[in-house]
Amino acid sequence: MNDDKYQMTLAEPIQFGSKTISEVKLRDLKSREIRMLKVDFSNSTIGDLLVIAEHVSDLTTRQIDMLCKKDQLELAGKRSEEHTSELQSP
């Protein structure tokens, strides 16, 4: 089964070794991943949201660290925002 549900095109592609990364594949968090995350969604920082983004994207921590500010913010908000509202709703 293919978990890739969303794709994000980077504003500024990154060079990682010999590979140029211009798109990021994203998927939904699984329940087991949500349980393992130690994030207070009511007081989360961009860093917290990037930790979540690492779990739902095909990027490594090092690759996420290389993203420009615009791409980091979009990646943090793209999937994490949906999960924040899902987790906070009754």
N, C-alpha and C. Protein backbone atom coordinates (compact mmCIF):
# COMPACT_ATOMS: atom_id res chain seq x y z
N MET A 1 0.83 -1.18 0.00
CA MET A 1 0.00 0.00 0.00
C MET A 1 0.87 1.25 0.00
N ASN A 2 0.52 2.21 -0.82
CA ASN A 2 1.29 3.44 -0.95
C ASN A 2 0.74 4.48 0.02
N ASP A 3 1.57 4.94 0.97
CA ASP A 3 1.14 5.92 1.96
C ASP A 3 1.33 7.35 1.48
N ASP A 4 1.99 7.57 0.34
CA ASP A 4 2.21 8.93 -0.15
C ASP A 4 0.89 9.52 -0.61
N LYS A 5 0.45 10.58 0.09
CA LYS A 5 -0.82 11.18 -0.24
C LYS A 5 -0.68 12.60 -0.73
N TYR A 6 0.39 13.26 -0.37
CA TYR A 6 0.57 14.66 -0.67
C TYR A 6 1.98 14.88 -1.20
N GLN A 7 2.13 15.92 -1.99
CA GLN A 7 3.44 16.25 -2.51
C GLN A 7 3.63 17.75 -2.42
N MET A 8 4.80 18.18 -2.02
CA MET A 8 5.11 19.60 -1.88
C MET A 8 6.33 19.90 -2.73
N THR A 9 6.23 20.91 -3.56
CA THR A 9 7.36 21.35 -4.37
C THR A 9 8.13 22.40 -3.57
N LEU A 10 9.42 22.20 -3.44
CA LEU A 10 10.26 23.13 -2.67
C LEU A 10 10.46 24.43 -3.45
N ALA A 11 10.40 25.55 -2.73
CA ALA A 11 10.69 26.86 -3.33
C ALA A 11 12.16 26.92 -3.74
N GLU A 12 13.01 26.33 -2.89
CA GLU A 12 14.45 26.28 -3.16
C GLU A 12 14.91 24.83 -3.00
N PRO A 13 15.10 24.13 -4.12
CA PRO A 13 15.58 22.74 -4.02
C PRO A 13 16.89 22.67 -3.24
N ILE A 14 17.11 21.54 -2.59
CA ILE A 14 18.34 21.35 -1.81
C ILE A 14 19.22 20.31 -2.49
N GLN A 15 20.51 20.46 -2.30
CA GLN A 15 21.49 19.51 -2.81
C GLN A 15 21.93 18.66 -1.64
N PHE A 16 21.72 17.35 -1.72
CA PHE A 16 22.12 16.43 -0.66
C PHE A 16 22.97 15.36 -1.31
N GLY A 17 24.28 15.47 -1.09
CA GLY A 17 25.21 14.58 -1.79
C GLY A 17 25.12 14.86 -3.28
N SER A 18 24.92 13.83 -4.08
CA SER A 18 24.80 14.01 -5.52
C SER A 18 23.34 14.17 -5.95
N LYS A 19 22.44 14.20 -4.99
CA LYS A 19 21.01 14.24 -5.27
C LYS A 19 20.44 15.65 -5.07
N THR A 20 19.67 16.12 -6.04
CA THR A 20 18.92 17.36 -5.89
C THR A 20 17.50 17.01 -5.51
N ILE A 21 17.04 17.58 -4.40
CA ILE A 21 15.68 17.30 -3.92
C ILE A 21 14.83 18.53 -4.18
N SER A 22 13.81 18.37 -5.02
CA SER A 22 12.95 19.50 -5.35
C SER A 22 11.50 19.27 -4.92
N GLU A 23 11.18 18.04 -4.54
CA GLU A 23 9.83 17.73 -4.09
C GLU A 23 9.89 16.85 -2.84
N VAL A 24 8.90 17.01 -2.00
CA VAL A 24 8.81 16.23 -0.77
C VAL A 24 7.48 15.48 -0.79
N LYS A 25 7.54 14.20 -0.48
CA LYS A 25 6.33 13.39 -0.38
C LYS A 25 5.90 13.34 1.08
N LEU A 26 4.61 13.52 1.31
CA LEU A 26 4.06 13.54 2.66
C LEU A 26 2.95 12.52 2.79
N ARG A 27 2.78 12.02 4.01
CA ARG A 27 1.71 11.06 4.27
C ARG A 27 1.08 11.40 5.61
N ASP A 28 -0.02 10.77 5.92
CA ASP A 28 -0.68 10.98 7.20
C ASP A 28 0.09 10.28 8.31
N LEU A 29 0.03 10.86 9.51
CA LEU A 29 0.60 10.20 10.69
C LEU A 29 -0.25 8.99 11.05
N LYS A 30 0.39 7.97 11.52
CA LYS A 30 -0.30 6.79 12.04
C LYS A 30 -0.53 6.98 13.54
N SER A 31 -1.51 6.32 14.07
CA SER A 31 -1.83 6.44 15.50
C SER A 31 -0.63 6.15 16.39
N ARG A 32 0.14 5.13 16.04
CA ARG A 32 1.31 4.79 16.86
C ARG A 32 2.33 5.92 16.87
N GLU A 33 2.44 6.66 15.75
CA GLU A 33 3.38 7.79 15.70
C GLU A 33 2.89 8.95 16.56
N ILE A 34 1.59 9.20 16.54
CA ILE A 34 1.03 10.28 17.35
C ILE A 34 1.26 9.99 18.82
N ARG A 35 1.08 8.75 19.22
CA ARG A 35 1.30 8.35 20.62
C ARG A 35 2.75 8.57 21.06
N MET A 36 3.68 8.36 20.16
CA MET A 36 5.10 8.47 20.48
C MET A 36 5.59 9.92 20.53
N LEU A 37 4.91 10.82 19.85
CA LEU A 37 5.34 12.21 19.81
C LEU A 37 5.08 12.90 21.14
N LYS A 38 6.03 13.64 21.60
CA LYS A 38 5.91 14.37 22.86
C LYS A 38 5.77 15.86 22.55
N VAL A 39 4.68 16.22 21.89
CA VAL A 39 4.48 17.61 21.48
C VAL A 39 3.22 18.14 22.14
N ASP A 40 3.35 19.30 22.79
CA ASP A 40 2.20 20.00 23.34
C ASP A 40 1.67 20.88 22.21
N PHE A 41 0.64 20.44 21.54
CA PHE A 41 0.15 21.13 20.36
C PHE A 41 -0.36 22.53 20.66
N SER A 42 -0.76 22.80 21.89
CA SER A 42 -1.26 24.13 22.22
C SER A 42 -0.11 25.14 22.36
N ASN A 43 1.10 24.65 22.60
CA ASN A 43 2.27 25.52 22.75
C ASN A 43 3.41 25.08 21.85
N SER A 44 3.12 24.52 20.69
CA SER A 44 4.17 23.98 19.84
C SER A 44 4.96 25.08 19.14
N THR A 45 6.23 24.78 18.91
CA THR A 45 7.13 25.67 18.19
C THR A 45 7.30 25.14 16.77
N ILE A 46 7.92 25.94 15.92
CA ILE A 46 8.23 25.48 14.56
C ILE A 46 9.10 24.23 14.63
N GLY A 47 10.03 24.20 15.58
CA GLY A 47 10.88 23.01 15.76
C GLY A 47 10.07 21.77 16.06
N ASP A 48 9.06 21.92 16.93
CA ASP A 48 8.18 20.79 17.24
C ASP A 48 7.47 20.30 15.98
N LEU A 49 6.99 21.26 15.19
CA LEU A 49 6.25 20.89 13.98
C LEU A 49 7.17 20.24 12.95
N LEU A 50 8.44 20.66 12.93
CA LEU A 50 9.39 20.02 12.01
C LEU A 50 9.70 18.60 12.43
N VAL A 51 9.65 18.32 13.73
CA VAL A 51 9.81 16.93 14.20
C VAL A 51 8.66 16.09 13.65
N ILE A 52 7.46 16.62 13.70
CA ILE A 52 6.31 15.91 13.13
C ILE A 52 6.49 15.76 11.63
N ALA A 53 6.93 16.83 10.96
CA ALA A 53 7.12 16.79 9.51
C ALA A 53 8.12 15.70 9.11
N GLU A 54 9.13 15.50 9.95
CA GLU A 54 10.10 14.44 9.66
C GLU A 54 9.42 13.07 9.63
N HIS A 55 8.45 12.88 10.49
CA HIS A 55 7.74 11.60 10.55
C HIS A 55 6.82 11.38 9.35
N VAL A 56 6.33 12.46 8.75
CA VAL A 56 5.35 12.31 7.67
C VAL A 56 5.94 12.57 6.28
N SER A 57 7.22 12.92 6.23
CA SER A 57 7.84 13.21 4.93
C SER A 57 8.91 12.18 4.60
N ASP A 58 9.40 12.28 3.39
CA ASP A 58 10.47 11.39 2.97
C ASP A 58 11.85 12.03 3.16
N LEU A 59 11.92 13.09 3.99
CA LEU A 59 13.18 13.77 4.27
C LEU A 59 13.76 13.31 5.61
N THR A 60 15.07 13.34 5.69
CA THR A 60 15.76 13.05 6.95
C THR A 60 15.90 14.36 7.74
N THR A 61 16.31 14.26 8.99
CA THR A 61 16.54 15.45 9.81
C THR A 61 17.55 16.37 9.14
N ARG A 62 18.63 15.81 8.64
CA ARG A 62 19.67 16.63 7.98
C ARG A 62 19.12 17.35 6.76
N GLN A 63 18.26 16.68 6.01
CA GLN A 63 17.67 17.32 4.83
C GLN A 63 16.71 18.43 5.23
N ILE A 64 15.90 18.20 6.26
CA ILE A 64 14.99 19.24 6.74
C ILE A 64 15.78 20.45 7.21
N ASP A 65 16.91 20.22 7.87
CA ASP A 65 17.76 21.32 8.35
C ASP A 65 18.32 22.16 7.21
N MET A 66 18.39 21.61 6.01
CA MET A 66 18.93 22.32 4.85
C MET A 66 17.88 23.16 4.13
N LEU A 67 16.62 22.99 4.47
CA LEU A 67 15.56 23.72 3.79
C LEU A 67 15.62 25.21 4.09
N CYS A 68 15.23 26.02 3.10
CA CYS A 68 15.14 27.46 3.34
C CYS A 68 13.96 27.71 4.29
N LYS A 69 13.93 28.89 4.87
CA LYS A 69 12.90 29.23 5.86
C LYS A 69 11.49 29.05 5.28
N LYS A 70 11.28 29.49 4.04
CA LYS A 70 9.96 29.38 3.43
C LYS A 70 9.51 27.93 3.34
N ASP A 71 10.42 27.05 2.91
CA ASP A 71 10.08 25.62 2.78
C ASP A 71 9.90 24.97 4.16
N GLN A 72 10.70 25.37 5.15
CA GLN A 72 10.53 24.83 6.50
C GLN A 72 9.16 25.18 7.05
N LEU A 73 8.77 26.43 6.89
CA LEU A 73 7.47 26.86 7.41
C LEU A 73 6.32 26.16 6.69
N GLU A 74 6.45 26.03 5.37
CA GLU A 74 5.39 25.35 4.62
C GLU A 74 5.32 23.88 5.01
N LEU A 75 6.46 23.23 5.13
CA LEU A 75 6.49 21.82 5.52
C LEU A 75 5.92 21.63 6.92
N ALA A 76 6.29 22.49 7.84
CA ALA A 76 5.80 22.40 9.22
C ALA A 76 4.29 22.60 9.27
N GLY A 77 3.79 23.51 8.45
CA GLY A 77 2.37 23.80 8.48
C GLY A 77 1.53 22.90 7.60
N LYS A 78 2.11 22.38 6.55
CA LYS A 78 1.37 21.61 5.55
C LYS A 78 0.65 20.41 6.16
N ARG A 79 1.33 19.61 6.91
CA ARG A 79 0.72 18.41 7.49
C ARG A 79 0.45 18.58 8.97
N SER A 80 1.34 19.27 9.65
CA SER A 80 1.22 19.39 11.10
C SER A 80 -0.03 20.16 11.50
N GLU A 81 -0.39 21.17 10.72
CA GLU A 81 -1.57 21.97 11.03
C GLU A 81 -2.83 21.10 11.04
N GLU A 82 -2.93 20.21 10.07
CA GLU A 82 -4.08 19.32 10.01
C GLU A 82 -4.10 18.38 11.21
N HIS A 83 -2.96 17.86 11.58
CA HIS A 83 -2.90 16.93 12.70
C HIS A 83 -3.17 17.63 14.02
N THR A 84 -2.74 18.89 14.15
CA THR A 84 -3.01 19.65 15.35
C THR A 84 -4.51 19.79 15.56
N SER A 85 -5.23 20.17 14.51
CA SER A 85 -6.67 20.34 14.65
C SER A 85 -7.37 18.99 14.86
N GLU A 86 -6.88 17.94 14.25
CA GLU A 86 -7.46 16.61 14.44
C GLU A 86 -7.30 16.15 15.89
N LEU A 87 -6.13 16.42 16.48
CA LEU A 87 -5.85 15.95 17.83
C LEU A 87 -6.57 16.78 18.89
N GLN A 88 -6.86 18.04 18.59
CA GLN A 88 -7.48 18.90 19.57
C GLN A 88 -9.00 18.86 19.52
N SER A 89 -9.56 18.33 18.45
CA SER A 89 -11.02 18.28 18.37
C SER A 89 -11.55 17.15 19.24
N PRO A 90 -12.74 17.37 19.85
CA PRO A 90 -13.28 16.37 20.79
C PRO A 90 -13.68 15.08 20.12
